[in-house]
């Protein structure tokens, strides 16, 4: 990749971020104390106060807030409802700003590397924005450009996350947040490293190369840096455009999505950790749906074989009602202080998450339950049960695994796909063997340079 000026975790930049973010979190802390003392519905009022405080912020803390809303038990249900309303509203960089950022990454003559460059972003997120362009070979490409000073912003916002978690400890939490904080911090720091993301694009291209209906962008390393990722543009339509398509088309899209997620995990121990609607687009030619484009590999989680084995063993334990296998799975994941009460609570959540793939028949994920309320009963029961014995510290690996599984299920709910997910799961996992998985990880490391040593 191109060598560029390296941004650092800069104290003045962190201090500036502390001032703006801390002001809003401070407002929430004050409101929290007032509501707790004088309000009968303090949980709801505190939740709204937190959302209002974070809703004025941009960048990493917005991403953290949205992530917290997807982790069951990390925060009270009222907080989850309010945080889930937050949207990515990071203000786009103007043309002058973009020009300076591109110059910093590629040098003074950067424009000579492109035939065309559109200064208006066609996509934006909490950490950067994406511009369309054409390279010197007249190929349509996209340039994912990180916002400036994001390293300092991430470190400052993680400090504010600590404050939020400290406040949460006063709310009788069901889940301990130490491991959640560690996991969020590491994944968020990794997401700033576009060299790492480029390697993940290469990794998934290798893993899914035999599937013609799943396409992944190609990285152009000669014009990429650790803050600028230049990739081939994959033409596609938004997934939600197909929400009212025929059942056959919706099933085809869902089938592709299922394989794109479970094959990498079950056979190689890696997941695309951010499966929301904007990270997919649909390949269509002559009014025929051909497959999906899989986009945005900033949030990718690699797992040790023993964790993957635990996931598969939990599935088999639930399928065969093998209690010993269930307990072994939780132990292999790193759950501490297991007892019958905690195991029973974990089994409730496991049966909910695994339910659609345990059921050997064609069905939708919700299976007759309204999508708006699907899973709420199970989540509430688990949350209340954990509060009685908690807080329970969940393993780090569980955080993004659970988040990604719920995110994928949400996409299936939107599509209302009707498939035999049991058969699809068994096909995607194949004849699982931990030694075979270890060998595959070693082989793909040699081809792509992606290390699973973690």
Protein backbone atom coordinates (compact mmCIF):
# COMPACT_ATOMS: atom_id res chain seq x y z
CA UNK A 1 0.00 0.00 0.00
CA UNK A 2 0.98 3.65 -0.41
CA UNK A 3 2.97 5.02 2.53
CA UNK A 4 1.34 8.10 3.99
CA UNK A 5 1.51 10.46 6.93
CA UNK A 6 0.48 8.46 10.02
CA UNK A 7 -2.09 9.92 12.36
CA UNK A 8 -1.45 9.27 16.03
CA UNK A 9 -3.39 9.23 19.25
CA UNK A 10 -2.87 12.95 19.73
CA UNK A 11 -3.44 14.49 23.19
CA UNK A 12 -4.69 17.91 22.00
CA UNK A 13 -7.15 16.21 19.64
CA UNK A 14 -8.30 13.89 22.43
CA UNK A 15 -8.70 16.87 24.75
CA UNK A 16 -10.85 18.67 22.18
CA UNK A 17 -12.98 15.56 21.80
CA UNK A 18 -13.27 15.17 25.59
CA UNK A 19 -14.64 18.70 25.78
CA UNK A 20 -17.40 18.21 23.22
CA UNK A 21 -18.34 14.64 24.16
CA UNK A 22 -17.86 15.12 27.88
CA UNK A 23 -20.22 18.08 27.85
CA UNK A 24 -23.03 15.94 26.44
CA UNK A 25 -22.32 12.96 28.68
CA UNK A 26 -22.16 15.37 31.61
CA UNK A 27 -25.63 16.64 30.72
CA UNK A 28 -26.86 13.06 30.80
CA UNK A 29 -25.18 12.38 34.16
CA UNK A 30 -26.92 15.41 35.67
CA UNK A 31 -30.25 14.42 34.15
CA UNK A 32 -29.71 10.86 35.41
CA UNK A 33 -29.35 12.07 39.01
CA UNK A 34 -32.41 14.32 38.76
CA UNK A 35 -34.59 11.62 37.24
CA UNK A 36 -33.42 8.99 39.72
CA UNK A 37 -34.34 11.17 42.70
CA UNK A 38 -37.64 12.74 41.62
CA UNK A 39 -39.16 10.58 38.89
CA UNK A 40 -41.44 7.55 39.18
CA UNK A 41 -40.55 6.39 35.65
CA UNK A 42 -36.83 7.09 36.07
CA UNK A 43 -35.62 4.32 33.73
CA UNK A 44 -37.59 5.65 30.78
CA UNK A 45 -36.62 9.25 31.49
CA UNK A 46 -32.94 8.34 31.87
CA UNK A 47 -33.05 6.41 28.62
CA UNK A 48 -34.47 9.39 26.74
CA UNK A 49 -31.88 11.67 28.37
CA UNK A 50 -29.05 9.41 27.22
CA UNK A 51 -30.39 9.22 23.67
CA UNK A 52 -30.82 12.98 23.52
CA UNK A 53 -27.25 13.53 24.72
CA UNK A 54 -25.70 11.06 22.31
CA UNK A 55 -27.96 12.13 19.46
CA UNK A 56 -26.05 15.40 19.13
CA UNK A 57 -22.72 13.61 18.71
CA UNK A 58 -20.97 12.25 15.63
CA UNK A 59 -18.21 9.76 15.03
CA UNK A 60 -17.18 6.75 17.15
CA UNK A 61 -19.50 7.36 20.09
CA UNK A 62 -22.50 7.17 17.77
CA UNK A 63 -21.20 3.80 16.58
CA UNK A 64 -20.68 2.65 20.18
CA UNK A 65 -24.21 3.73 21.11
CA UNK A 66 -25.76 1.84 18.23
CA UNK A 67 -23.68 -1.24 19.04
CA UNK A 68 -24.78 -1.20 22.69
CA UNK A 69 -28.40 -1.29 21.55
CA UNK A 70 -27.76 -4.67 19.88
CA UNK A 71 -26.10 -6.48 22.83
CA UNK A 72 -28.78 -8.16 24.98
CA UNK A 73 -28.49 -7.23 28.64
CA UNK A 74 -25.62 -4.77 28.21
CA UNK A 75 -27.97 -1.93 29.12
CA UNK A 76 -31.60 -1.82 30.32
CA UNK A 77 -34.33 -2.46 27.74
CA UNK A 78 -35.49 1.15 27.91
CA UNK A 79 -31.99 2.29 26.97
CA UNK A 80 -31.88 -0.20 24.12
CA UNK A 81 -35.16 1.10 22.67
CA UNK A 82 -33.96 4.70 22.75
CA UNK A 83 -30.43 4.03 21.44
CA UNK A 84 -31.80 1.95 18.58
CA UNK A 85 -33.43 5.17 17.31
CA UNK A 86 -30.06 6.81 16.76
CA UNK A 87 -29.03 7.13 13.13
CA UNK A 88 -25.67 7.75 11.49
CA UNK A 89 -25.71 11.48 10.82
CA UNK A 90 -22.02 12.27 10.55
CA UNK A 91 -21.71 15.51 8.55
CA UNK A 92 -19.95 14.92 5.21
CA UNK A 93 -16.56 16.49 4.54
CA UNK A 94 -16.77 19.30 1.99
CA UNK A 95 -14.85 19.31 -1.31
CA UNK A 96 -11.97 21.35 0.09
CA UNK A 97 -11.65 19.07 3.08
CA UNK A 98 -11.76 15.97 0.87
CA UNK A 99 -9.07 17.42 -1.39
CA UNK A 100 -6.76 18.01 1.55
CA UNK A 101 -7.43 14.53 2.96
CA UNK A 102 -6.67 12.89 -0.40
CA UNK A 103 -3.50 14.94 -0.71
CA UNK A 104 -2.40 13.80 2.74
CA UNK A 105 -2.92 10.15 1.75
CA UNK A 106 -1.60 10.12 -1.84
CA UNK A 107 0.58 13.23 -2.17
CA UNK A 108 0.37 16.53 -4.04
CA UNK A 109 -0.38 15.00 -7.44
CA UNK A 110 -3.04 12.61 -6.21
CA UNK A 111 -5.62 13.75 -8.80
CA UNK A 112 -3.40 12.41 -11.59
CA UNK A 113 -4.13 8.90 -10.34
CA UNK A 114 -7.78 9.28 -11.36
CA UNK A 115 -9.59 10.17 -14.59
CA UNK A 116 -12.57 11.31 -12.53
CA UNK A 117 -13.17 11.90 -8.83
CA UNK A 118 -16.56 12.85 -7.40
CA UNK A 119 -16.08 15.11 -4.38
CA UNK A 120 -19.66 14.54 -3.26
CA UNK A 121 -19.85 11.34 -1.18
CA UNK A 122 -22.43 8.77 -2.20
CA UNK A 123 -22.21 7.01 1.18
CA UNK A 124 -21.24 8.16 4.67
CA UNK A 125 -20.81 6.47 8.03
CA UNK A 126 -19.62 7.29 11.53
CA UNK A 127 -15.90 6.87 10.75
CA UNK A 128 -15.60 7.96 7.12
CA UNK A 129 -17.26 8.48 3.76
CA UNK A 130 -17.17 6.93 0.28
CA UNK A 131 -16.57 8.65 -3.07
CA UNK A 132 -17.02 7.32 -6.58
CA UNK A 133 -14.18 7.75 -9.07
CA UNK A 134 -12.55 6.31 -12.21
CA UNK A 135 -8.95 5.18 -12.20
CA UNK A 136 -6.44 5.57 -15.05
CA UNK A 137 -7.69 2.31 -16.61
CA UNK A 138 -11.19 3.82 -16.71
CA UNK A 139 -12.47 1.36 -14.12
CA UNK A 140 -15.34 2.51 -11.90
CA UNK A 141 -14.01 2.51 -8.34
CA UNK A 142 -14.89 3.74 -4.86
CA UNK A 143 -12.62 5.52 -2.39
CA UNK A 144 -13.38 4.98 1.28
CA UNK A 145 -11.82 7.95 3.04
CA UNK A 146 -11.52 8.11 6.83
CA UNK A 147 -12.42 11.28 8.67
CA UNK A 148 -9.41 13.11 10.16
CA UNK A 149 -8.15 12.55 13.71
CA UNK A 150 -10.29 9.46 14.24
CA UNK A 151 -7.67 7.68 16.36
CA UNK A 152 -7.86 10.44 18.95
CA UNK A 153 -11.65 10.55 18.67
CA UNK A 154 -11.95 6.81 19.29
CA UNK A 155 -9.74 6.91 22.39
CA UNK A 156 -11.62 9.91 23.77
CA UNK A 157 -15.00 8.30 23.13
CA UNK A 158 -13.93 5.05 24.77
CA UNK A 159 -13.24 7.07 27.92
CA UNK A 160 -16.78 8.42 27.74
CA UNK A 161 -18.05 4.86 27.32
CA UNK A 162 -16.39 4.08 30.65
CA UNK A 163 -18.44 6.84 32.26
CA UNK A 164 -21.67 5.49 30.76
CA UNK A 165 -20.86 1.99 32.02
CA UNK A 166 -20.09 3.34 35.50
CA UNK A 167 -23.50 5.02 35.56
CA UNK A 168 -25.07 1.79 34.32
CA UNK A 169 -23.64 -0.09 37.31
CA UNK A 170 -26.05 1.88 39.48
CA UNK A 171 -29.00 0.54 37.51
CA UNK A 172 -28.80 -3.06 38.78
CA UNK A 173 -27.38 -4.41 35.48
CA UNK A 174 -27.93 -7.97 34.30
CA UNK A 175 -24.66 -8.12 32.39
CA UNK A 176 -21.16 -7.15 33.49
CA UNK A 177 -19.60 -4.75 31.02
CA UNK A 178 -15.85 -5.28 31.47
CA UNK A 179 -15.51 -7.77 28.60
CA UNK A 180 -17.96 -5.83 26.46
CA UNK A 181 -15.80 -2.73 26.87
CA UNK A 182 -12.63 -4.67 25.94
CA UNK A 183 -14.26 -6.14 22.86
CA UNK A 184 -15.78 -2.87 21.63
CA UNK A 185 -12.45 -1.09 22.11
CA UNK A 186 -10.44 -3.63 20.13
CA UNK A 187 -12.94 -3.91 17.28
CA UNK A 188 -13.33 -0.13 17.01
CA UNK A 189 -9.56 0.38 16.88
CA UNK A 190 -9.29 -2.31 14.22
CA UNK A 191 -11.97 -0.63 12.14
CA UNK A 192 -9.70 2.41 11.77
CA UNK A 193 -7.02 0.25 10.11
CA UNK A 194 -7.78 0.09 6.38
CA UNK A 195 -4.77 -2.16 5.80
CA UNK A 196 -6.56 -4.72 7.96
CA UNK A 197 -9.82 -4.21 6.09
CA UNK A 198 -8.04 -4.72 2.76
CA UNK A 199 -6.72 -8.05 4.05
CA UNK A 200 -10.23 -9.06 5.08
CA UNK A 201 -11.54 -8.33 1.59
CA UNK A 202 -8.86 -10.64 0.25
CA UNK A 203 -9.70 -13.25 2.90
CA UNK A 204 -13.42 -13.34 2.14
CA UNK A 205 -12.73 -13.38 -1.61
CA UNK A 206 -10.64 -16.52 -1.07
CA UNK A 207 -13.15 -18.17 1.27
CA UNK A 208 -16.17 -17.52 -0.98
CA UNK A 209 -14.47 -17.81 -4.36
CA UNK A 210 -16.52 -20.82 -5.48
CA UNK A 211 -19.83 -18.97 -5.01
CA UNK A 212 -20.62 -16.98 -8.18
CA UNK A 213 -23.66 -15.41 -6.55
CA UNK A 214 -21.62 -13.66 -3.84
CA UNK A 215 -19.35 -10.85 -5.00
CA UNK A 216 -16.73 -8.95 -3.03
CA UNK A 217 -14.89 -5.77 -4.10
CA UNK A 218 -11.29 -5.95 -5.31
CA UNK A 219 -8.79 -3.73 -3.48
CA UNK A 220 -6.32 -1.59 -5.46
CA UNK A 221 -3.39 -1.46 -3.06
CA UNK A 222 -1.26 0.81 -5.25
CA UNK A 223 -3.58 3.73 -4.42
CA UNK A 224 -4.69 2.65 -0.94
CA UNK A 225 -3.35 3.57 2.50
CA UNK A 226 -4.30 2.76 6.07
CA UNK A 227 -6.77 5.68 5.93
CA UNK A 228 -7.87 5.40 2.28
CA UNK A 229 -9.28 2.19 0.81
CA UNK A 230 -9.71 2.11 -2.97
CA UNK A 231 -11.87 -0.71 -4.31
CA UNK A 232 -13.77 -1.80 -7.40
CA UNK A 233 -17.31 -0.49 -7.54
CA UNK A 234 -19.94 -3.24 -7.47
CA UNK A 235 -23.19 -2.20 -9.07
CA UNK A 236 -26.24 -3.27 -7.12
CA UNK A 237 -29.61 -2.23 -5.80
CA UNK A 238 -30.53 -1.68 -2.14
CA UNK A 239 -31.73 -4.82 -0.41
CA UNK A 240 -34.89 -3.11 0.83
CA UNK A 241 -36.00 -2.59 -2.80
CA UNK A 242 -36.81 -6.30 -2.79
CA UNK A 243 -38.92 -6.36 0.35
CA UNK A 244 -42.08 -6.72 -1.77
CA UNK A 245 -40.60 -8.99 -4.44
CA UNK A 246 -41.82 -12.51 -5.05
CA UNK A 247 -41.17 -15.16 -2.41
CA UNK A 248 -38.77 -16.88 -4.79
CA UNK A 249 -36.61 -13.77 -5.18
CA UNK A 250 -36.60 -13.01 -1.45
CA UNK A 251 -35.67 -16.61 -0.71
CA UNK A 252 -32.80 -16.48 -3.20
CA UNK A 253 -31.39 -13.33 -1.61
CA UNK A 254 -31.71 -14.81 1.87
CA UNK A 255 -30.01 -18.03 0.75
CA UNK A 256 -27.01 -16.03 -0.50
CA UNK A 257 -26.85 -14.04 2.73
CA UNK A 258 -26.96 -17.18 4.83
CA UNK A 259 -24.04 -18.76 2.98
CA UNK A 260 -22.06 -15.50 2.99
CA UNK A 261 -22.23 -15.46 6.79
CA UNK A 262 -22.17 -19.11 7.91
CA UNK A 263 -19.64 -20.60 5.47
CA UNK A 264 -16.83 -18.24 6.60
CA UNK A 265 -17.66 -18.87 10.26
CA UNK A 266 -18.28 -22.62 10.21
CA UNK A 267 -15.46 -23.52 7.86
CA UNK A 268 -12.85 -20.81 8.60
CA UNK A 269 -13.75 -19.23 11.96
CA UNK A 270 -14.39 -15.67 10.77
CA UNK A 271 -17.53 -13.51 10.62
CA UNK A 272 -18.65 -10.33 8.92
CA UNK A 273 -19.52 -8.59 12.18
CA UNK A 274 -21.75 -5.79 10.88
CA UNK A 275 -24.62 -7.40 8.95
CA UNK A 276 -26.95 -4.45 8.51
CA UNK A 277 -28.97 -3.63 5.42
CA UNK A 278 -26.54 -1.07 4.01
CA UNK A 279 -23.72 -3.62 3.82
CA UNK A 280 -25.42 -5.63 1.10
CA UNK A 281 -26.60 -4.80 -2.38
CA UNK A 282 -28.41 -6.99 -4.87
CA UNK A 283 -26.96 -8.03 -8.24
CA UNK A 284 -29.63 -7.79 -10.92
CA UNK A 285 -29.36 -8.16 -14.70
CA UNK A 286 -32.25 -8.12 -17.18
CA UNK A 287 -34.71 -8.15 -14.26
CA UNK A 288 -33.15 -11.32 -12.88
CA UNK A 289 -31.63 -11.43 -9.39
CA UNK A 290 -28.23 -13.10 -9.69
CA UNK A 291 -26.89 -12.74 -6.17
CA UNK A 292 -25.51 -10.27 -3.62
CA UNK A 293 -22.62 -7.88 -3.19
CA UNK A 294 -21.03 -8.16 0.25
CA UNK A 295 -19.70 -4.77 1.35
CA UNK A 296 -17.79 -3.07 4.18
CA UNK A 297 -15.28 -5.34 5.90
CA UNK A 298 -14.19 -2.94 8.61
CA UNK A 299 -15.82 -4.99 11.36
CA UNK A 300 -14.61 -8.57 10.92
CA UNK A 301 -14.12 -10.92 13.86
CA UNK A 302 -11.68 -13.86 13.77
CA UNK A 303 -12.15 -16.78 16.17
CA UNK A 304 -10.02 -19.55 17.57
CA UNK A 305 -11.15 -23.05 16.49
CA UNK A 306 -12.21 -23.94 20.03
CA UNK A 307 -14.82 -21.15 20.04
CA UNK A 308 -16.26 -22.28 16.70
CA UNK A 309 -16.38 -25.83 18.03
CA UNK A 310 -18.37 -24.53 21.00
CA UNK A 311 -20.92 -22.90 18.68
CA UNK A 312 -21.35 -26.14 16.71
CA UNK A 313 -21.48 -28.26 19.85
CA UNK A 314 -24.14 -25.99 21.34
CA UNK A 315 -26.24 -26.51 18.20
CA UNK A 316 -25.81 -30.29 18.43
CA UNK A 317 -26.47 -30.23 22.17
CA UNK A 318 -29.76 -28.40 21.68
CA UNK A 319 -30.72 -30.64 18.76
CA UNK A 320 -30.02 -33.84 20.71
CA UNK A 321 -31.01 -32.53 24.16
CA UNK A 322 -27.50 -33.30 25.40
CA UNK A 323 -27.00 -31.29 28.57
CA UNK A 324 -23.34 -32.25 28.93
CA UNK A 325 -22.57 -30.92 25.46
CA UNK A 326 -24.35 -27.66 26.30
CA UNK A 327 -22.34 -27.15 29.47
CA UNK A 328 -19.09 -27.98 27.67
CA UNK A 329 -19.92 -25.35 25.06
CA UNK A 330 -20.48 -22.62 27.63
CA UNK A 331 -17.26 -23.61 29.39
CA UNK A 332 -15.26 -23.55 26.15
CA UNK A 333 -16.54 -20.03 25.45
CA UNK A 334 -15.27 -18.84 28.83
CA UNK A 335 -18.42 -18.46 30.93
CA UNK A 336 -17.42 -18.42 34.60
CA UNK A 337 -19.21 -19.64 37.74
CA UNK A 338 -21.61 -21.85 35.83
CA UNK A 339 -24.43 -23.37 37.84
CA UNK A 340 -27.80 -24.90 36.97
CA UNK A 341 -29.64 -21.58 37.22
CA UNK A 342 -27.26 -19.76 34.90
CA UNK A 343 -27.15 -22.68 32.46
CA UNK A 344 -30.97 -22.73 32.28
CA UNK A 345 -31.00 -18.99 31.54
CA UNK A 346 -28.34 -19.35 28.85
CA UNK A 347 -30.32 -22.21 27.32
CA UNK A 348 -33.38 -19.97 26.96
CA UNK A 349 -31.37 -17.49 24.89
CA UNK A 350 -29.60 -20.27 22.96
CA UNK A 351 -32.91 -21.91 22.03
CA UNK A 352 -34.15 -18.56 20.75
CA UNK A 353 -31.03 -17.81 18.68
CA UNK A 354 -30.72 -21.37 17.33
CA UNK A 355 -34.48 -21.96 17.01
CA UNK A 356 -34.83 -21.30 13.26
CA UNK A 357 -31.91 -23.60 12.35
CA UNK A 358 -32.99 -26.36 14.77
CA UNK A 359 -36.41 -26.58 13.11
CA UNK A 360 -36.11 -28.98 10.14
CA UNK A 361 -38.78 -27.48 7.89
CA UNK A 362 -39.36 -24.49 5.65
CA UNK A 363 -40.28 -21.48 7.76
CA UNK A 364 -39.68 -17.79 8.26
CA UNK A 365 -37.40 -16.67 11.08
CA UNK A 366 -40.31 -15.18 13.04
CA UNK A 367 -42.58 -18.14 12.15
CA UNK A 368 -45.90 -16.33 12.57
CA UNK A 369 -44.79 -13.86 15.24
CA UNK A 370 -44.96 -10.18 14.32
CA UNK A 371 -41.40 -9.03 13.41
CA UNK A 372 -41.74 -5.96 15.64
CA UNK A 373 -42.11 -8.11 18.76
CA UNK A 374 -40.09 -11.16 17.69
CA UNK A 375 -37.58 -12.06 20.41
CA UNK A 376 -38.75 -9.41 22.87
CA UNK A 377 -40.35 -11.94 25.22
CA UNK A 378 -37.23 -14.11 25.28
CA UNK A 379 -34.93 -11.12 25.74
CA UNK A 380 -37.08 -9.77 28.59
CA UNK A 381 -37.19 -13.12 30.39
CA UNK A 382 -33.43 -13.62 30.05
CA UNK A 383 -32.76 -10.07 31.19
CA UNK A 384 -34.99 -10.40 34.27
CA UNK A 385 -33.48 -13.78 35.17
CA UNK A 386 -29.94 -12.49 34.85
CA UNK A 387 -30.73 -9.48 37.03
CA UNK A 388 -31.66 -11.86 39.86
CA UNK A 389 -28.29 -13.65 39.78
CA UNK A 390 -26.10 -11.11 37.97
CA UNK A 391 -24.34 -9.23 36.87
CA UNK A 392 -23.01 -12.03 34.65
CA UNK A 393 -19.76 -11.35 32.80
CA UNK A 394 -20.06 -12.67 29.27
CA UNK A 395 -17.01 -13.75 27.23
CA UNK A 396 -15.56 -11.27 24.77
CA UNK A 397 -16.11 -13.51 21.74
CA UNK A 398 -19.80 -13.73 22.53
CA UNK A 399 -20.32 -9.97 22.04
CA UNK A 400 -19.94 -9.73 18.27
CA UNK A 401 -21.06 -13.30 17.59
CA UNK A 402 -24.40 -12.54 19.22
CA UNK A 403 -24.63 -9.12 17.64
CA UNK A 404 -23.93 -10.49 14.17
CA UNK A 405 -26.39 -13.38 14.53
CA UNK A 406 -29.15 -10.98 15.62
CA UNK A 407 -28.26 -8.60 12.80
CA UNK A 408 -28.48 -11.37 10.20
CA UNK A 409 -31.81 -12.49 11.67
CA UNK A 410 -33.07 -8.92 11.35
CA UNK A 411 -32.27 -8.92 7.64
CA UNK A 412 -34.21 -12.18 7.27
CA UNK A 413 -37.14 -10.61 9.09
CA UNK A 414 -37.16 -7.72 6.60
CA UNK A 415 -37.12 -10.16 3.67
CA UNK A 416 -39.69 -12.48 5.27
CA UNK A 417 -37.77 -15.33 3.63
CA UNK A 418 -39.22 -18.82 3.89
CA UNK A 419 -36.46 -21.45 3.84
CA UNK A 420 -35.34 -24.64 5.49
CA UNK A 421 -32.63 -22.97 7.54
CA UNK A 422 -31.78 -26.25 9.23
CA UNK A 423 -30.62 -27.78 5.94
CA UNK A 424 -28.84 -24.57 4.92
CA UNK A 425 -26.95 -24.53 8.22
CA UNK A 426 -25.89 -28.16 7.95
CA UNK A 427 -24.69 -27.57 4.36
CA UNK A 428 -22.77 -24.41 5.32
CA UNK A 429 -21.02 -26.00 8.29
CA UNK A 430 -20.26 -29.27 6.52
CA UNK A 431 -18.68 -32.14 8.42
CA UNK A 432 -17.22 -30.02 11.19
CA UNK A 433 -13.95 -31.08 12.73
CA UNK A 434 -11.74 -28.82 14.83
CA UNK A 435 -8.55 -30.20 13.28
CA UNK A 436 -9.92 -29.57 9.79
CA UNK A 437 -10.83 -26.00 10.76
CA UNK A 438 -7.33 -25.41 12.16
CA UNK A 439 -5.82 -26.70 8.91
CA UNK A 440 -8.09 -24.46 6.80
CA UNK A 441 -7.12 -21.40 8.83
CA UNK A 442 -3.45 -22.24 8.29
CA UNK A 443 -3.96 -22.69 4.54
CA UNK A 444 -5.88 -19.46 4.09
CA UNK A 445 -3.25 -17.62 6.13
CA UNK A 446 -0.59 -18.71 3.63
CA UNK A 447 -2.72 -17.42 0.74
CA UNK A 448 -3.93 -14.14 2.22
CA UNK A 449 -1.60 -13.28 5.09
CA UNK A 450 -4.52 -13.04 7.53
CA UNK A 451 -3.35 -14.46 10.84
CA UNK A 452 -5.83 -16.28 13.09
CA UNK A 453 -3.44 -16.32 16.01
CA UNK A 454 -5.38 -13.40 17.53
